Amino acid sequence: MRFKQILKKSSLICSLNAKLKTDRTLRSYYELNGFYKIEAKKKAIVYREENVADFVKQRLKQRNIEFEPEAKGKLRIFWVGANYAQDSSGIIQGLRKFGEVILFEGRPGKYEQIWPKGSDFKIARKENSRQLIAQSDRTLKRGPIHIVIGQMWPHVMDPQALQTIRNKGLVVVNIAMDDRHVFKGRKVNGVLSGTSGLIPAIDLACTAAKECCLWYHVEGCPSIYLPEASDPEFFKPSSNPKLYDVCFVGANYGIRTDIVKAIEKQGIKVTCFGRGWPNGFIETKKIPELFAQSRIVLGVGTIGHCKDFYALKMRDFDGPMSGSLYLTHHNPDLEELFIVGKEIETYTTSEECAAKVRYYIDHPSVAEAIGRSGRARAEKEHTWGHRFEKILKVIGF
């Protein structure tokens, strides 16, 4: 560990390491995307989201599962969470709009799946799987489970456990937020950690990367595009004065330091929280106030150490929902979700980011107008309630 810390102090070694990781990430993505395009052409598969509901219905019918539409608020939903801080900032609240939510416990009284501190996932995987089966059995004794929804990976939740509960007539849906770079994933204890490993044991895959819908479809799994979202009651504008010019919440790695330094060269302070920053972590419950009291909420949309390879992030929705101006990388995915320049603002380089920060700090009324419009769009189209309503409609509720 000490040797590793010494290596991290070498800028040359850090740069080489970042380049190697970037090259590996990009190569893996383009190989996968190319492979699935070729396979789709060979098999004459064309992905159309409007056909997914029928695809799901046919597959469920083969298992003798058919649904009658349920009134909103009457469902019993079993949620398998991955991180309480993340899930309690909107996901669980969104689910509760549709009925009773039973929260998975990796250990009695312990929310979320067990994640070991070391690299050995065998014990955690076995225990998560055992608890899933046992808890679903206990829940079924008290009434029906209409749907199981989770954010799961095969190295921490055995697909066979999911298959076991499916054999009891349950419908399983998985939400994947990082498919562009972890669809296959690396091997952990001989098991691929990517979400594709769950395909044989789920009824619907939800992915935050639109092109990955085709990947799932080629593998025979129904899938829908499901970007992240936010909660309008958790993240909301504040009547309190703005205390910060720019804030950022996220770990310090990749190009993030360069972006912050470029902004601070303009004489503008960036208040950062997360692993690797002097301020350290910030409690989840304090983030909404931080966002609301910042003139600009900064986003960094890149994957890992890449400089121009992007993925949607939770803060792409929490930022605008806060009512402050949200400024992030120009990820093309965002152009379909917000009007750039009117509801959010974007940049492509550290220098452009710094220049835009300078402009909006000097023109607060323009920044405030964009913040209000971003909030309106997020509240209208990008809540977790919207996302779960889409899932339930596709399943047949």
Protein backbone atom coordinates (compact mmCIF):
# COMPACT_ATOMS: atom_id res chain seq x y z
CA MET A 1 0.00 0.00 0.00
CA ARG A 2 2.85 2.38 0.87
CA PHE A 3 4.54 1.66 -2.47
CA LYS A 4 1.25 2.40 -4.23
CA GLN A 5 0.99 5.76 -2.46
CA ILE A 6 4.55 6.62 -3.54
CA LEU A 7 3.70 5.81 -7.16
CA LYS A 8 0.66 8.08 -6.99
CA LYS A 9 2.94 11.03 -6.25
CA SER A 10 4.66 10.64 -9.62
CA SER A 11 2.83 12.74 -12.24
CA LEU A 12 4.42 10.73 -15.06
CA ILE A 13 3.28 7.39 -13.63
CA CYS A 14 -0.19 8.81 -12.93
CA SER A 15 -0.46 10.06 -16.51
CA LEU A 16 0.63 6.70 -17.94
CA ASN A 17 -1.79 4.88 -15.66
CA ALA A 18 -4.64 7.17 -16.71
CA LYS A 19 -3.84 6.63 -20.39
CA LEU A 20 -3.74 2.85 -20.01
CA LYS A 21 -7.09 2.85 -18.19
CA THR A 22 -8.63 5.17 -20.78
CA ASP A 23 -7.42 3.04 -23.68
CA ARG A 24 -8.74 -0.12 -22.04
CA THR A 25 -12.15 1.44 -21.32
CA LEU A 26 -12.58 2.80 -24.85
CA ARG A 27 -11.33 -0.36 -26.54
CA SER A 28 -13.72 -2.51 -24.55
CA TYR A 29 -16.68 -0.25 -25.33
CA TYR A 30 -16.07 0.03 -29.06
CA GLU A 31 -15.42 -3.71 -29.39
CA LEU A 32 -18.69 -4.50 -27.59
CA ASN A 33 -20.72 -1.95 -29.50
CA GLY A 34 -19.32 -3.17 -32.80
CA PHE A 35 -19.93 -6.81 -31.87
CA TYR A 36 -23.59 -6.24 -31.03
CA LYS A 37 -24.23 -4.19 -34.15
CA ILE A 38 -22.85 -7.04 -36.27
CA GLU A 39 -24.81 -9.67 -34.32
CA ALA A 40 -28.01 -7.65 -34.63
CA LYS A 41 -27.53 -7.41 -38.39
CA LYS A 42 -26.82 -11.15 -38.66
CA LYS A 43 -29.96 -12.02 -36.68
CA ALA A 44 -32.09 -9.29 -38.30
CA ILE A 45 -32.76 -7.76 -34.89
CA VAL A 46 -34.03 -4.19 -34.84
CA TYR A 47 -34.54 -2.60 -31.45
CA ARG A 48 -37.70 -0.51 -31.02
CA GLU A 49 -38.69 0.48 -27.51
CA GLU A 50 -42.38 0.59 -28.41
CA ASN A 51 -42.24 -3.19 -28.96
CA VAL A 52 -40.68 -4.04 -25.59
CA ALA A 53 -43.96 -4.26 -23.63
CA ASP A 54 -45.25 -6.96 -26.01
CA PHE A 55 -41.90 -8.78 -25.77
CA VAL A 56 -42.14 -8.78 -21.97
CA LYS A 57 -45.78 -9.89 -22.05
CA GLN A 58 -44.95 -12.84 -24.30
CA ARG A 59 -42.09 -13.95 -22.06
CA LEU A 60 -44.19 -13.68 -18.91
CA LYS A 61 -47.04 -15.57 -20.54
CA GLN A 62 -44.64 -18.46 -21.16
CA ARG A 63 -44.25 -18.56 -17.36
CA ASN A 64 -48.03 -18.34 -16.87
CA ILE A 65 -47.77 -14.80 -15.47
CA GLU A 66 -50.38 -12.25 -16.48
CA PHE A 67 -51.29 -9.00 -14.76
CA GLU A 68 -54.41 -7.00 -14.22
CA PRO A 69 -53.71 -3.26 -13.98
CA GLU A 70 -53.39 -2.19 -10.34
CA ALA A 71 -54.40 1.18 -8.96
CA LYS A 72 -51.47 3.47 -8.21
CA GLY A 73 -50.46 2.99 -4.60
CA LYS A 74 -51.68 -0.61 -4.36
CA LEU A 75 -48.56 -2.49 -5.46
CA ARG A 76 -46.15 -4.37 -3.22
CA ILE A 77 -42.65 -3.73 -4.54
CA PHE A 78 -39.53 -5.55 -3.35
CA TRP A 79 -36.54 -3.23 -3.81
CA VAL A 80 -32.97 -4.59 -3.80
CA GLY A 81 -30.80 -1.54 -3.18
CA ALA A 82 -27.09 -1.00 -3.60
CA ASN A 83 -26.35 2.11 -1.56
CA TYR A 84 -28.56 3.69 1.08
CA ALA A 85 -27.18 7.21 0.64
CA GLN A 86 -27.98 7.11 -3.08
CA ASP A 87 -31.29 5.28 -2.81
CA SER A 88 -32.72 7.38 0.03
CA SER A 89 -32.23 10.59 -1.95
CA GLY A 90 -35.09 9.88 -4.34
CA ILE A 91 -35.26 6.27 -5.50
CA ILE A 92 -37.09 4.84 -2.48
CA GLN A 93 -39.36 7.90 -2.34
CA GLY A 94 -40.22 7.41 -6.01
CA LEU A 95 -41.10 3.76 -5.48
CA ARG A 96 -43.38 4.56 -2.55
CA LYS A 97 -45.68 6.55 -4.82
CA PHE A 98 -46.78 3.19 -6.25
CA GLY A 99 -47.40 1.24 -3.08
CA GLU A 100 -45.69 -0.61 -0.23
CA VAL A 101 -41.94 -0.96 -0.67
CA ILE A 102 -40.16 -3.87 0.98
CA LEU A 103 -36.46 -3.05 1.36
CA PHE A 104 -33.93 -5.85 0.90
CA GLU A 105 -31.60 -6.42 3.85
CA GLY A 106 -28.25 -8.06 3.23
CA ARG A 107 -28.15 -8.69 6.97
CA PRO A 108 -31.09 -8.37 9.38
CA GLY A 109 -31.68 -4.65 9.88
CA LYS A 110 -28.93 -3.77 7.37
CA TYR A 111 -30.18 -2.05 4.23
CA GLU A 112 -28.66 -2.93 0.81
CA GLN A 113 -26.58 -5.77 -0.54
CA ILE A 114 -23.43 -6.72 1.35
CA TRP A 115 -20.23 -5.38 -0.22
CA PRO A 116 -17.01 -6.82 1.26
CA LYS A 117 -14.15 -4.45 1.94
CA GLY A 118 -11.66 -6.80 0.31
CA SER A 119 -11.65 -8.45 -3.09
CA ASP A 120 -13.24 -11.73 -1.98
CA PHE A 121 -16.93 -11.50 -2.86
CA LYS A 122 -17.78 -15.18 -2.40
CA ILE A 123 -19.14 -14.89 1.14
CA ALA A 124 -21.05 -11.68 0.39
CA ARG A 125 -22.57 -13.16 -2.77
CA LYS A 126 -23.67 -16.27 -0.94
CA GLU A 127 -25.19 -14.29 1.93
CA ASN A 128 -26.97 -11.78 -0.35
CA SER A 129 -28.46 -14.65 -2.31
CA ARG A 130 -29.56 -16.52 0.80
CA GLN A 131 -31.16 -13.42 2.25
CA LEU A 132 -32.96 -12.62 -1.02
CA ILE A 133 -34.65 -16.02 -1.10
CA ALA A 134 -35.44 -16.04 2.63
CA GLN A 135 -36.77 -12.48 2.74
CA SER A 136 -38.91 -12.92 -0.37
CA ASP A 137 -40.38 -16.10 1.17
CA ARG A 138 -41.25 -14.24 4.39
CA THR A 139 -42.77 -11.38 2.43
CA LEU A 140 -44.88 -13.70 0.28
CA LYS A 141 -46.44 -15.17 3.42
CA ARG A 142 -47.88 -11.74 4.19
CA GLY A 143 -49.19 -11.08 0.68
CA PRO A 144 -48.19 -10.89 -2.98
CA ILE A 145 -45.00 -9.38 -4.33
CA HIS A 146 -46.00 -7.69 -7.57
CA ILE A 147 -42.48 -6.93 -8.75
CA VAL A 148 -38.84 -7.16 -7.68
CA ILE A 149 -36.71 -4.21 -8.79
CA GLY A 150 -33.05 -3.74 -7.97
CA GLN A 151 -29.65 -2.45 -8.87
CA MET A 152 -27.71 -5.71 -8.92
CA TRP A 153 -24.54 -7.32 -10.29
CA PRO A 154 -23.74 -11.04 -10.66
CA HIS A 155 -20.64 -11.01 -8.45
CA VAL A 156 -22.68 -9.84 -5.44
CA MET A 157 -26.04 -11.47 -6.23
CA ASP A 158 -26.06 -14.97 -7.68
CA PRO A 159 -28.29 -15.14 -10.79
CA GLN A 160 -29.45 -18.53 -9.54
CA ALA A 161 -31.01 -16.81 -6.52
CA LEU A 162 -32.93 -14.52 -8.85
CA GLN A 163 -33.98 -17.55 -10.87
CA THR A 164 -35.21 -19.20 -7.67
CA ILE A 165 -37.56 -16.33 -6.84
CA ARG A 166 -38.67 -16.11 -10.48
CA ASN A 167 -39.67 -19.77 -10.24
CA LYS A 168 -42.11 -18.66 -7.52
CA GLY A 169 -43.87 -16.43 -10.02
CA LEU A 170 -42.02 -13.19 -9.27
CA VAL A 171 -41.03 -10.68 -11.94
CA VAL A 172 -37.44 -9.37 -11.70
CA VAL A 173 -36.25 -6.05 -13.12
CA ASN A 174 -32.66 -4.81 -12.96
CA ILE A 175 -31.53 -1.18 -13.27
CA ALA A 176 -28.04 -0.59 -14.69
CA MET A 177 -26.52 2.90 -14.61
CA ASP A 178 -23.02 2.12 -15.93
CA ASP A 179 -23.49 -0.28 -18.84
CA ARG A 180 -21.17 1.59 -21.19
CA HIS A 181 -18.17 0.49 -19.17
CA VAL A 182 -19.36 -2.40 -16.97
CA PHE A 183 -21.74 -4.39 -19.18
CA LYS A 184 -19.28 -7.28 -19.13
CA GLY A 185 -17.08 -6.10 -16.30
CA ARG A 186 -13.95 -7.73 -14.95
CA LYS A 187 -13.87 -11.17 -13.37
CA VAL A 188 -14.32 -11.29 -9.61
CA ASN A 189 -13.79 -14.75 -8.12
CA GLY A 190 -14.20 -16.20 -11.60
CA VAL A 191 -17.52 -14.39 -12.17
CA LEU A 192 -17.94 -11.51 -14.62
CA SER A 193 -19.05 -8.51 -12.58
CA GLY A 194 -20.94 -6.79 -15.40
CA THR A 195 -24.72 -6.55 -15.55
CA SER A 196 -24.88 -8.83 -18.61
CA GLY A 197 -24.27 -11.74 -16.25
CA LEU A 198 -27.79 -11.31 -14.85
CA ILE A 199 -29.55 -11.58 -18.20
CA PRO A 200 -30.69 -15.24 -17.85
CA ALA A 201 -32.37 -14.42 -14.53
CA ILE A 202 -34.23 -11.15 -15.18
CA ASP A 203 -37.42 -10.20 -17.01
CA LEU A 204 -36.50 -6.63 -17.93
CA ALA A 205 -33.24 -4.70 -18.07
CA CYS A 206 -33.25 -0.94 -17.62
CA THR A 207 -30.14 0.83 -18.89
CA ALA A 208 -28.99 4.44 -18.72
CA ALA A 209 -27.15 4.08 -22.06
CA LYS A 210 -29.53 4.04 -25.01
CA GLU A 211 -27.35 1.99 -27.37
CA CYS A 212 -27.06 -0.76 -24.74
CA CYS A 213 -30.75 -1.58 -25.22
CA LEU A 214 -29.69 -3.32 -28.43
CA TRP A 215 -26.97 -5.22 -26.57
CA TYR A 216 -29.54 -6.71 -24.20
CA HIS A 217 -31.96 -7.37 -27.05
CA VAL A 218 -29.37 -9.34 -28.99
CA GLU A 219 -28.86 -11.44 -25.85
CA GLY A 220 -32.61 -12.12 -25.80
CA CYS A 221 -33.44 -9.84 -22.87
CA PRO A 222 -36.15 -7.13 -23.07
CA SER A 223 -34.68 -3.73 -22.24
CA ILE A 224 -35.65 -0.08 -21.99
CA TYR A 225 -33.76 3.17 -21.83
CA LEU A 226 -34.00 4.49 -18.28
CA PRO A 227 -31.83 7.52 -17.44
CA GLU A 228 -31.23 8.41 -13.83
CA ALA A 229 -33.62 10.92 -12.25
CA SER A 230 -34.17 13.06 -9.13
CA ASP A 231 -36.71 13.80 -6.42
CA PRO A 232 -38.43 17.22 -6.40
CA GLU A 233 -39.05 17.13 -2.66
CA PHE A 234 -35.47 16.22 -1.76
CA PHE A 235 -33.72 18.51 -4.27
CA LYS A 236 -35.45 21.87 -4.52
CA PRO A 237 -34.72 25.61 -4.67
CA SER A 238 -34.03 27.42 -1.41
CA SER A 239 -35.12 30.85 -0.28
CA ASN A 240 -31.82 31.17 1.61
CA PRO A 241 -29.06 33.30 0.06
CA LYS A 242 -26.47 31.73 -2.21
CA LEU A 243 -23.37 30.95 -0.17
CA TYR A 244 -21.16 29.32 -2.80
CA ASP A 245 -20.14 30.34 -6.30
CA VAL A 246 -19.53 26.79 -7.54
CA CYS A 247 -19.92 23.42 -5.83
CA PHE A 248 -18.94 19.91 -6.86
CA VAL A 249 -19.74 16.58 -5.18
CA GLY A 250 -17.79 13.53 -6.31
CA ALA A 251 -14.46 11.78 -5.87
CA ASN A 252 -11.29 13.53 -6.99
CA TYR A 253 -9.82 11.57 -9.90
CA GLY A 254 -9.27 11.79 -13.64
CA ILE A 255 -9.65 15.26 -15.10
CA ARG A 256 -11.63 16.67 -12.19
CA THR A 257 -8.66 18.40 -10.57
CA ASP A 258 -7.79 20.11 -13.88
CA ILE A 259 -11.34 21.44 -14.23
CA VAL A 260 -11.43 22.80 -10.68
CA LYS A 261 -7.99 24.40 -11.09
CA ALA A 262 -9.04 26.06 -14.36
CA ILE A 263 -12.07 27.61 -12.63
CA GLU A 264 -10.04 28.77 -9.64
CA LYS A 265 -7.57 30.49 -11.98
CA GLN A 266 -10.50 32.80 -12.74
CA GLY A 267 -10.49 33.79 -9.07
CA ILE A 268 -13.63 31.76 -8.39
CA LYS A 269 -13.73 29.31 -5.49
CA VAL A 270 -15.03 25.78 -6.10
CA THR A 271 -16.36 24.09 -2.97
CA CYS A 272 -15.69 20.35 -3.43
CA PHE A 273 -16.77 17.37 -1.39
CA GLY A 274 -15.86 13.71 -1.86
CA ARG A 275 -12.98 11.29 -1.60
CA GLY A 276 -9.67 12.99 -2.37
CA TRP A 277 -10.79 16.60 -1.74
CA PRO A 278 -9.69 18.55 1.38
CA ASN A 279 -13.32 18.85 2.57
CA GLY A 280 -13.79 15.08 2.44
CA PHE A 281 -17.24 13.49 2.33
CA ILE A 282 -20.51 15.29 2.74
CA GLU A 283 -23.62 13.66 4.21
CA THR A 284 -26.23 12.89 1.58
CA LYS A 285 -28.88 14.83 3.50
CA LYS A 286 -26.73 17.97 3.22
CA ILE A 287 -26.24 17.84 -0.55
CA PRO A 288 -29.63 19.34 -1.52
CA GLU A 289 -28.94 22.43 0.59
CA LEU A 290 -25.43 22.72 -0.86
CA PHE A 291 -26.80 22.56 -4.41
CA ALA A 292 -29.60 25.02 -3.70
CA GLN A 293 -27.21 27.51 -2.08
CA SER A 294 -24.69 27.38 -4.94
CA ARG A 295 -24.83 29.73 -7.90
CA ILE A 296 -23.49 26.95 -10.12
CA VAL A 297 -23.59 23.17 -9.57
CA LEU A 298 -20.64 21.68 -11.43
CA GLY A 299 -20.92 18.35 -13.20
CA VAL A 300 -18.18 16.16 -14.70
CA GLY A 301 -19.70 13.75 -17.20
CA THR A 302 -16.70 11.64 -18.20
CA ILE A 303 -16.22 7.94 -17.49
CA GLY A 304 -13.16 7.09 -15.38
CA HIS A 305 -10.04 8.80 -16.69
CA CYS A 306 -11.49 9.45 -20.15
CA LYS A 307 -11.68 13.01 -21.45
CA ASP A 308 -14.40 12.65 -24.09
CA PHE A 309 -16.31 9.48 -23.25
CA TYR A 310 -19.43 10.18 -21.22
CA ALA A 311 -22.19 8.60 -19.16
CA LEU A 312 -25.22 10.10 -17.49
CA LYS A 313 -24.84 10.77 -13.76
CA MET A 314 -27.30 11.20 -10.89
CA ARG A 315 -26.16 14.82 -10.52
CA ASP A 316 -27.26 15.48 -14.13
CA PHE A 317 -30.76 15.43 -12.65
CA ASP A 318 -30.18 16.45 -9.02
CA GLY A 319 -28.32 19.56 -10.19
CA PRO A 320 -31.13 21.00 -12.35
CA MET A 321 -33.76 19.84 -9.84
CA SER A 322 -32.11 22.04 -7.19
CA GLY A 323 -33.03 25.16 -9.16
CA SER A 324 -29.41 26.29 -9.51
CA LEU A 325 -27.57 26.56 -12.82
CA TYR A 326 -26.16 23.15 -13.70
CA LEU A 327 -22.95 23.13 -15.77
CA THR A 328 -21.49 19.84 -16.98
CA HIS A 329 -19.71 18.15 -19.88
CA HIS A 330 -21.39 18.26 -23.26
CA ASN A 331 -22.66 14.69 -23.17
CA PRO A 332 -24.86 14.19 -26.27
CA ASP A 333 -27.27 12.13 -24.11
CA LEU A 334 -28.23 15.30 -22.26
CA GLU A 335 -29.41 17.03 -25.43
CA GLU A 336 -32.40 14.68 -25.50
CA LEU A 337 -33.25 15.41 -21.87
CA PHE A 338 -32.64 19.16 -21.43
CA ILE A 339 -32.31 22.17 -23.71
CA VAL A 340 -28.65 23.13 -23.53
CA GLY A 341 -28.21 26.85 -22.98
CA LYS A 342 -31.77 27.26 -21.68
CA GLU A 343 -32.25 24.55 -19.04
CA ILE A 344 -28.65 23.48 -18.37
CA GLU A 345 -25.26 24.59 -19.64
CA THR A 346 -22.39 22.46 -20.96
CA TYR A 347 -18.67 22.59 -21.77
CA THR A 348 -16.16 20.41 -23.63
CA THR A 349 -12.81 21.53 -22.14
CA SER A 350 -11.57 22.76 -18.79
CA GLU A 351 -10.89 26.17 -20.33
CA GLU A 352 -14.41 26.44 -21.75
CA CYS A 353 -15.83 25.38 -18.40
CA ALA A 354 -13.87 28.09 -16.58
CA ALA A 355 -14.91 30.73 -19.13
CA LYS A 356 -18.59 29.82 -18.76
CA VAL A 357 -18.35 29.86 -14.99
CA ARG A 358 -16.84 33.35 -15.20
CA TYR A 359 -19.65 34.50 -17.51
CA TYR A 360 -22.48 33.18 -15.37
CA ILE A 361 -20.99 34.48 -12.12
CA ASP A 362 -20.82 37.91 -13.81
CA HIS A 363 -24.38 37.54 -15.18
CA PRO A 364 -26.37 36.12 -12.23
CA SER A 365 -29.80 36.87 -13.70
CA VAL A 366 -29.00 34.72 -16.76
CA ALA A 367 -27.76 31.90 -14.53
CA GLU A 368 -30.89 32.11 -12.38
CA ALA A 369 -33.19 31.96 -15.42
CA ILE A 370 -31.48 28.79 -16.67
CA GLY A 371 -31.68 27.31 -13.16
CA ARG A 372 -35.45 27.94 -13.00
CA SER A 373 -35.98 26.39 -16.44
CA GLY A 374 -33.84 23.37 -15.52
CA ARG A 375 -35.90 22.82 -12.39
CA ALA A 376 -39.15 23.04 -14.38
CA ARG A 377 -37.97 20.46 -16.94
CA ALA A 378 -36.63 18.10 -14.27
CA GLU A 379 -39.85 18.30 -12.26
CA LYS A 380 -41.97 17.73 -15.37
CA GLU A 381 -40.07 14.81 -16.92
CA HIS A 382 -37.16 13.54 -14.81
CA THR A 383 -38.40 12.35 -11.41
CA TRP A 384 -37.96 8.82 -10.11
CA GLY A 385 -41.74 8.62 -10.19
CA HIS A 386 -41.59 9.07 -13.97
CA ARG A 387 -38.96 6.34 -14.27
CA PHE A 388 -40.81 3.74 -12.19
CA GLU A 389 -44.09 4.52 -13.92
CA LYS A 390 -42.37 3.62 -17.20
CA ILE A 391 -41.09 0.33 -15.79
CA LEU A 392 -44.48 -0.67 -14.42
CA LYS A 393 -46.24 0.22 -17.66
CA VAL A 394 -43.84 -1.96 -19.67
CA ILE A 395 -44.36 -4.88 -17.25
CA GLY A 396 -48.13 -4.54 -17.59
CA PHE A 397 -49.37 -2.78 -14.44
